[in-house]
Amino acid sequence: RNLRTFGSRGQQRTAALAVKLAEVAIMQRTLGAPPLLLLDDVMSELDSSRRSMLLEALQGVEQAVVTTTDWNDFTPLFRSAARCYRVADGRLVESDEDAQEPAGNVDD
């Protein structure tokens, strides 16, 4: 069956992410260097079990930038291994890595 017709948004998003993760693995093997994976607000369309599976899969990706509007979409284990940045006064600023949530709001 056609996933676009019969799949839920979460299933469609999961399939697209699986393809992206496979591309990362193929590029790393082919090039011998890790590519940069950019994921923009991917968590908003995934249920909690799919979020957990994605975060687990991202543990094996050497270079990934994942944007979010909700810091709580990330597990404590993932947050402890991640570097968090926020936009403050038009500049990119690293947030306290030990914080449960990034300091301040976007564009504060």
Protein backbone atom coordinates (compact mmCIF):
# COMPACT_ATOMS: atom_id res chain seq x y z
CA ARG A 1 0.00 0.00 0.00
CA ASN A 2 1.00 3.58 -0.58
CA LEU A 3 2.29 5.08 2.69
CA ARG A 4 1.33 8.56 1.55
CA THR A 5 -2.30 7.47 1.16
CA PHE A 6 -2.71 4.94 3.95
CA GLY A 7 -0.07 5.92 6.51
CA SER A 8 -0.55 8.30 9.41
CA ARG A 9 1.55 11.48 9.57
CA GLY A 10 3.69 9.79 12.22
CA GLN A 11 4.22 6.75 10.01
CA GLN A 12 5.08 8.95 7.03
CA ARG A 13 7.50 10.99 9.14
CA THR A 14 9.08 7.82 10.57
CA ALA A 15 9.63 6.42 7.07
CA ALA A 16 11.22 9.68 5.89
CA LEU A 17 13.51 9.74 8.94
CA ALA A 18 14.50 6.10 8.36
CA VAL A 19 15.56 7.01 4.82
CA LYS A 20 17.57 10.00 6.11
CA LEU A 21 19.34 7.87 8.72
CA ALA A 22 20.14 5.26 6.04
CA GLU A 23 21.55 8.03 3.83
CA VAL A 24 23.79 9.18 6.69
CA ALA A 25 25.14 5.64 7.15
CA ILE A 26 25.76 5.19 3.41
CA MET A 27 27.47 8.58 3.10
CA GLN A 28 29.70 7.85 6.09
CA ARG A 29 30.77 4.50 4.63
CA THR A 30 31.27 5.97 1.15
CA LEU A 31 33.05 9.19 2.14
CA GLY A 32 34.83 7.92 5.22
CA ALA A 33 33.71 11.02 7.13
CA PRO A 34 30.48 11.70 9.00
CA PRO A 35 27.99 13.94 7.18
CA LEU A 36 26.06 16.63 9.03
CA LEU A 37 22.43 15.66 9.65
CA LEU A 38 20.02 18.57 10.05
CA LEU A 39 16.57 17.86 11.52
CA ASP A 40 14.18 20.78 11.99
CA ASP A 41 11.49 20.31 14.66
CA VAL A 42 11.06 16.60 13.90
CA MET A 43 9.71 15.73 17.33
CA SER A 44 6.45 17.65 16.98
CA GLU A 45 4.93 15.10 14.59
CA LEU A 46 6.08 11.96 16.43
CA ASP A 47 4.46 10.14 19.33
CA SER A 48 6.56 9.40 22.43
CA SER A 49 7.60 5.90 21.33
CA ARG A 50 8.76 7.17 17.91
CA ARG A 51 10.60 10.05 19.60
CA SER A 52 12.44 7.57 21.81
CA MET A 53 13.35 5.40 18.81
CA LEU A 54 14.63 8.42 16.89
CA LEU A 55 16.71 9.66 19.83
CA GLU A 56 18.19 6.18 20.22
CA ALA A 57 19.06 6.09 16.51
CA LEU A 58 20.64 9.56 16.73
CA GLN A 59 23.09 8.30 19.37
CA GLY A 60 24.99 6.65 16.51
CA VAL A 61 25.13 9.82 14.39
CA GLU A 62 28.36 11.75 14.91
CA GLN A 63 27.14 15.15 13.65
CA ALA A 64 23.50 16.15 14.03
CA VAL A 65 21.71 19.43 14.56
CA VAL A 66 18.16 18.99 15.83
CA THR A 67 15.95 22.03 16.39
CA THR A 68 12.98 22.05 18.72
CA THR A 69 10.37 24.29 20.24
CA ASP A 70 9.96 21.98 23.25
CA TRP A 71 13.07 20.93 25.19
CA ASN A 72 10.99 18.29 26.99
CA ASP A 73 10.68 16.30 23.74
CA PHE A 74 14.22 15.06 24.43
CA THR A 75 14.98 12.37 27.00
CA PRO A 76 17.25 13.26 29.94
CA LEU A 77 19.85 10.82 28.58
CA PHE A 78 19.85 12.52 25.18
CA ARG A 79 19.99 16.00 26.76
CA SER A 80 22.96 15.00 28.90
CA ALA A 81 24.93 14.04 25.78
CA ALA A 82 23.81 17.04 23.70
CA ARG A 83 25.02 20.60 23.44
CA CYS A 84 22.16 23.06 23.60
CA TYR A 85 22.08 26.48 21.95
CA ARG A 86 19.45 29.20 21.89
CA VAL A 87 18.99 32.49 20.07
CA ALA A 88 19.42 35.53 22.31
CA ASP A 89 19.40 39.08 20.95
CA GLY A 90 19.96 37.72 17.44
CA ARG A 91 23.02 35.68 18.47
CA LEU A 92 23.50 31.96 18.93
CA VAL A 93 24.42 31.29 22.57
CA GLU A 94 25.30 27.99 24.23
CA SER A 95 22.95 27.19 27.10
CA ASP A 96 23.87 25.52 30.37
CA GLU A 97 24.25 21.82 29.49
CA ASP A 98 23.21 20.74 32.99
CA ALA A 99 19.95 22.68 32.92
CA GLN A 100 16.69 20.81 32.51
CA GLU A 101 15.54 23.49 30.09
CA PRO A 102 17.57 26.00 28.08
CA ALA A 103 17.94 29.34 29.84
CA GLY A 104 15.50 31.98 28.64
CA ASN A 105 13.15 32.07 25.68
CA VAL A 106 13.88 32.27 21.99
CA ASP A 107 14.77 35.84 21.06
CA ASP A 108 14.78 37.03 24.68
